Protein backbone atom coordinates (compact mmCIF):
# COMPACT_ATOMS: atom_id res chain seq x y z
CA MET A 1 0.06 -0.18 0.05
CA SER A 2 1.14 3.25 -0.72
CA THR A 3 2.27 6.12 1.95
CA PRO A 4 0.29 9.10 1.38
CA HIS A 5 2.17 11.85 0.59
CA PRO A 6 3.07 14.71 3.32
CA VAL A 7 1.47 18.12 3.09
CA PHE A 8 5.11 19.70 3.00
CA SER A 9 8.41 18.76 2.37
CA VAL A 10 11.13 20.95 4.27
CA ILE A 11 14.39 20.83 3.17
CA VAL A 12 17.36 21.13 5.05
CA THR A 13 20.73 21.50 3.37
CA THR A 14 23.79 21.09 6.20
CA HIS A 15 27.60 21.21 6.08
CA LEU A 16 29.52 20.19 9.49
CA ARG A 17 27.27 22.21 11.54
CA ALA A 18 26.06 19.74 13.76
CA ALA A 19 24.81 21.60 16.85
CA LEU A 20 23.05 24.09 14.59
CA LEU A 21 21.61 21.63 12.67
CA ASP A 22 20.50 20.35 16.13
CA ARG A 23 18.85 23.66 16.23
CA ALA A 24 17.31 23.05 13.09
CA LEU A 25 15.62 20.10 13.28
CA ARG A 26 14.30 20.76 16.83
CA SER A 27 12.43 23.18 15.38
CA LEU A 28 10.42 20.97 13.21
CA ARG A 29 9.76 18.65 15.71
CA GLU A 30 8.36 21.29 17.46
CA GLN A 31 5.85 22.15 15.44
CA SER A 32 2.37 22.23 15.63
CA PHE A 33 1.62 21.09 12.52
CA GLN A 34 3.48 17.38 11.80
CA ASP A 35 2.08 16.13 8.74
CA PHE A 36 5.52 17.33 6.84
CA GLU A 37 8.79 15.46 5.76
CA THR A 38 12.10 16.48 6.46
CA ILE A 39 14.65 16.10 4.29
CA VAL A 40 18.39 16.92 5.32
CA VAL A 41 21.11 16.58 2.47
CA ALA A 42 24.85 17.22 3.84
CA ASP A 43 27.51 17.17 1.32
CA ALA A 44 29.86 16.22 3.89
CA LEU A 45 29.94 13.85 7.37
CA ASP A 46 30.71 13.64 10.81
CA ALA A 47 29.75 11.29 13.42
CA GLU A 48 28.33 14.46 15.30
CA THR A 49 26.09 15.40 12.38
CA ALA A 50 25.28 11.59 11.90
CA ALA A 51 24.06 11.96 15.63
CA VAL A 52 22.23 14.80 15.58
CA CYS A 53 19.85 13.31 12.31
CA ALA A 54 19.65 9.59 14.22
CA ARG A 55 17.96 11.04 17.25
CA GLN A 56 15.75 14.22 15.62
CA LEU A 57 14.68 12.41 12.60
CA ARG A 58 11.15 10.49 12.36
CA PRO A 59 10.35 7.67 10.39
CA GLN A 60 8.96 9.77 7.51
CA ASP A 61 12.18 11.85 7.57
CA VAL A 62 15.15 11.32 4.61
CA PHE A 63 18.66 11.97 5.67
CA VAL A 64 20.94 11.31 2.62
CA LYS A 65 24.97 12.02 2.62
CA ARG A 66 25.45 13.02 -1.14
CA SER A 67 28.88 13.07 -3.17
CA GLY A 68 30.49 15.90 -5.26
CA ALA A 69 31.72 19.09 -4.53
CA PRO A 70 30.47 21.26 -1.39
CA GLY A 71 27.56 23.71 -1.46
CA PRO A 72 23.87 24.24 -0.86
CA ALA A 73 22.84 24.13 -4.82
CA ARG A 74 23.50 20.89 -5.90
CA SER A 75 21.96 19.68 -2.02
CA ARG A 76 19.12 21.09 -2.69
CA ASN A 77 18.48 20.12 -6.54
CA LEU A 78 18.95 16.72 -5.11
CA ALA A 79 16.11 17.13 -1.99
CA LEU A 80 13.97 18.53 -4.49
CA GLN A 81 13.88 15.15 -6.49
CA LEU A 82 13.05 13.21 -3.32
CA ALA A 83 10.25 15.84 -2.11
CA ARG A 84 6.92 14.63 -1.78
CA GLY A 85 4.91 16.91 -0.06
CA GLU A 86 2.06 19.37 -1.90
CA TRP A 87 3.92 22.23 -0.54
CA VAL A 88 8.08 22.63 -0.31
CA THR A 89 9.99 24.79 2.13
CA PHE A 90 13.67 25.17 2.39
CA LEU A 91 15.40 25.78 6.17
CA ASP A 92 19.12 26.18 6.42
CA ASP A 93 20.63 24.41 8.80
CA ASP A 94 21.36 27.75 10.77
CA ASP A 95 17.84 28.66 10.77
CA THR A 96 14.90 27.87 12.53
CA TYR A 97 10.85 27.96 12.83
CA GLY A 98 8.85 29.03 15.43
CA PRO A 99 6.34 26.32 16.47
CA GLY A 100 3.32 28.02 14.64
CA HIS A 101 4.86 28.32 11.34
CA LEU A 102 3.71 25.29 9.51
CA VAL A 103 0.14 25.76 10.19
CA THR A 104 0.21 29.54 9.15
CA ALA A 105 1.65 29.10 6.19
CA LEU A 106 -0.75 25.76 5.14
CA ALA A 107 -3.88 28.26 6.46
CA HIS A 108 -3.02 31.04 4.17
CA ALA A 109 -1.52 28.49 0.99
CA ARG A 110 -5.06 26.87 1.43
CA LEU A 111 -6.76 30.08 0.98
CA GLN A 112 -4.80 31.48 -1.50
CA ALA A 113 -4.42 28.13 -3.42
CA PRO A 114 -7.94 28.84 -5.50
CA ASN A 115 -6.99 31.87 -6.37
CA GLY A 116 -3.69 30.68 -8.61
CA VAL A 117 -1.63 31.32 -5.75
CA ARG A 118 1.25 28.81 -6.14
CA VAL A 119 4.17 30.64 -3.90
CA LEU A 120 3.95 33.12 -0.67
CA PHE A 121 6.46 34.47 1.74
CA SER A 122 6.07 35.84 5.21
CA ASP A 123 7.35 38.21 7.84
CA PHE A 124 10.19 37.03 9.73
CA ASP A 125 12.41 37.44 12.89
CA ILE A 126 16.44 38.39 12.76
CA LEU A 127 18.15 36.98 16.01
CA THR A 128 21.42 37.42 16.09
CA GLU A 129 23.71 35.57 18.36
CA ASP A 130 27.38 34.60 19.13
CA ARG A 131 28.76 31.12 18.03
CA SER A 132 31.41 31.26 19.79
CA LYS A 133 29.48 30.46 22.69
CA ALA A 134 27.98 27.28 23.85
CA PRO A 135 25.27 26.82 23.96
CA VAL A 136 25.10 29.93 21.39
CA VAL A 137 23.86 33.25 22.82
CA PRO A 138 21.08 35.37 21.34
CA GLN A 139 22.14 39.06 21.33
CA GLY A 140 18.87 40.38 20.04
CA ARG A 141 15.40 40.13 18.15
CA ALA A 142 13.60 42.08 15.55
CA ARG A 143 10.65 41.61 13.32
CA ILE A 144 11.01 42.12 9.69
CA ALA A 145 7.36 42.81 8.35
CA LEU A 146 7.49 42.66 4.35
CA GLY A 147 3.94 43.70 3.66
CA THR A 148 4.58 46.78 2.33
CA GLN A 149 7.57 45.36 0.08
CA ALA A 150 6.67 45.91 -3.87
CA VAL A 151 7.10 42.20 -4.82
CA ASP A 152 8.51 42.75 -8.27
CA SER A 153 11.27 44.71 -6.58
CA LEU A 154 12.46 40.95 -6.62
CA TYR A 155 14.22 42.01 -9.99
CA ALA A 156 16.54 44.56 -8.32
CA LYS A 157 17.23 42.64 -5.01
CA ASN A 158 16.31 39.86 -2.65
CA PHE A 159 14.48 40.68 0.34
CA ILE A 160 12.94 37.44 1.24
CA PRO A 161 14.62 34.72 3.37
CA ASN A 162 14.32 30.94 2.14
CA ASN A 163 12.68 30.25 5.15
CA ALA A 164 10.28 32.67 4.58
CA LEU A 165 8.73 31.24 1.59
CA VAL A 166 6.34 28.21 0.70
CA PHE A 167 5.90 27.11 -2.84
CA HIS A 168 3.64 24.54 -4.67
CA ARG A 169 5.20 21.84 -5.75
CA GLN A 170 3.52 22.66 -9.32
CA ALA A 171 5.37 25.83 -9.23
CA LEU A 172 9.16 24.44 -8.78
CA GLU A 173 8.57 22.05 -11.95
CA GLY A 174 11.86 22.76 -14.26
CA CYS A 175 13.84 24.80 -11.21
CA GLU A 176 16.76 23.96 -9.90
CA VAL A 177 19.28 25.88 -8.20
CA ASP A 178 22.73 26.96 -10.32
CA PRO A 179 25.31 25.28 -8.29
CA HIS A 180 28.06 27.69 -10.65
CA LEU A 181 27.30 30.76 -8.42
CA LYS A 182 28.93 31.17 -5.52
CA SER A 183 26.42 33.76 -4.09
CA GLN A 184 22.92 34.57 -4.89
CA GLU A 185 21.80 31.30 -5.70
CA ASP A 186 18.58 31.85 -3.55
CA TRP A 187 17.59 35.04 -5.45
CA ASP A 188 18.56 33.24 -8.87
CA PHE A 189 16.00 30.62 -8.11
CA LEU A 190 13.33 32.52 -6.97
CA LEU A 191 13.26 34.51 -9.58
CA ALA A 192 12.97 31.48 -12.30
CA VAL A 193 9.81 30.61 -9.93
CA CYS A 194 8.86 34.19 -10.33
CA ALA A 195 8.91 34.31 -13.91
CA ARG A 196 5.47 32.16 -13.32
CA HIS A 197 4.29 32.45 -10.51
CA LEU A 198 5.19 36.06 -7.93
CA PRO A 199 4.95 35.51 -4.35
CA VAL A 200 2.02 36.95 -2.48
CA HIS A 201 2.40 37.90 1.22
CA TYR A 202 0.84 37.01 4.13
CA ALA A 203 0.76 38.44 7.66
CA GLY A 204 2.79 36.65 10.46
CA GLY A 205 4.82 33.90 10.27
CA GLU A 206 7.32 32.62 12.34
CA ALA A 207 10.55 32.23 10.32
CA VAL A 208 13.72 32.86 12.12
CA VAL A 209 17.01 33.73 10.86
CA HIS A 210 19.98 33.79 12.80
CA LYS A 211 22.88 35.66 11.94
CA ASP A 212 26.44 35.30 13.73
CA TYR A 213 27.93 38.95 13.16
CA VAL A 214 30.58 38.64 15.97
CA ASN A 215 32.37 35.54 14.57
CA PRO A 216 32.71 36.20 10.93
CA GLY A 217 32.39 33.07 8.20
CA THR A 218 30.20 31.43 10.76
CA ARG A 219 27.50 31.88 7.99
CA ARG A 220 28.29 30.95 4.19
CA GLY A 221 27.36 34.62 3.48
CA ASN A 222 29.96 36.03 5.31
CA SER A 223 32.66 33.58 3.25
CA GLU A 224 35.14 35.09 1.04
CA ALA A 225 33.97 33.98 -1.86
CA ALA A 226 30.42 35.69 -1.15
CA ASN A 227 32.25 39.16 -0.06
CA ASP A 228 34.80 39.85 -3.04
CA THR A 229 33.77 41.08 -6.70
CA SER A 230 32.70 37.53 -6.67
CA VAL A 231 29.43 38.89 -5.32
CA VAL A 232 29.08 41.52 -8.13
CA LEU A 233 30.07 39.12 -10.70
CA ASP A 234 26.37 36.73 -9.41
CA PHE A 235 24.88 39.75 -9.75
CA LEU A 236 25.72 40.72 -13.06
CA HIS A 237 24.86 36.95 -14.15
CA VAL A 238 21.51 37.01 -12.60
CA TYR A 239 20.79 40.58 -14.12
CA LYS A 240 21.46 39.18 -17.44
CA ARG A 241 19.56 35.70 -16.84
CA TRP A 242 16.47 37.72 -15.67
CA PRO A 243 15.82 40.96 -17.63
CA ALA A 244 14.28 43.82 -15.20
CA PRO A 245 10.56 44.03 -16.29
CA THR A 246 10.22 47.85 -16.00
CA PRO A 247 12.34 50.87 -16.39
CA GLU A 248 12.00 51.64 -12.84
CA LEU A 249 13.39 48.28 -11.94
CA LYS A 250 16.18 48.96 -14.27
CA ALA A 251 17.00 51.91 -12.69
CA GLN A 252 16.95 50.33 -9.24
CA ARG A 253 19.95 47.92 -10.83
CA GLN A 254 21.86 50.53 -12.45
CA GLU A 255 21.89 52.24 -8.52
CA LEU A 256 22.20 49.42 -6.58
CA LEU A 257 25.49 48.00 -8.78
CA LYS A 258 26.57 51.93 -9.14
CA SER A 259 26.98 52.02 -4.68
CA ALA A 260 29.10 49.01 -5.10
CA GLY A 261 31.93 51.37 -7.41
CA LEU A 262 30.25 49.63 -10.69
CA ALA A 263 28.85 51.93 -13.05
CA LEU A 264 27.06 50.43 -16.46
CA PRO A 265 24.38 52.25 -18.44
CA LEU A 266 21.07 51.85 -18.11
CA GLU A 267 20.35 50.14 -21.70
CA TRP A 268 22.60 47.01 -20.00
CA PHE A 269 19.70 46.14 -17.66
């Protein structure tokens, strides 16, 4: 007898950060809505990561150690192939969900789905912390409300974190995360989806983005590869792949790159 498909597939990619992964998976175990599968894909494996997955994952969950070059893009693509849920979310191994996040996302997804909405995003919290301490020491928390943000400004710069998005599986057909980008691959993937389905905001949500500004390098976005000139090159790549749909957005792109020291004519965008 076939197993019923879960409502959500929660995709978690990880790289040798067992303590943070444990926190992320614990936040999933604490969800008030439990009809979901967790798919953990590791691009490297140590004993601590294996122990966390053995302890936190349930029988319906999946853990894969993949081969090949490290990086979240290939891990997410593999997880997307395995996902069985009607709705898909991405949770980085250093971020979390509050206990009501999935049930709130589902309520809004079901409300909006009859209107043809296939991608939604919520407000979120930024929690700053010091990861050099054990346990991790919180430093501050701020609520980021996105309801007044123009959605088409995604064509200039990404403002929606991965874990604040929920995708209907149909919206993801044919979409892959580009493993050749050193940064901005989340944004590039989102624009691929936006070409067919612009995301719709809903108020609330309990996505939590954790940031450590004390210890450089603890987030992938703080790595050298994500901060040197390659980030500008990746912006240029994204801009070329996904042309700005309006003159106003072209101007926004031009100003953004100008602030980074790169002056290009408006028609380039």
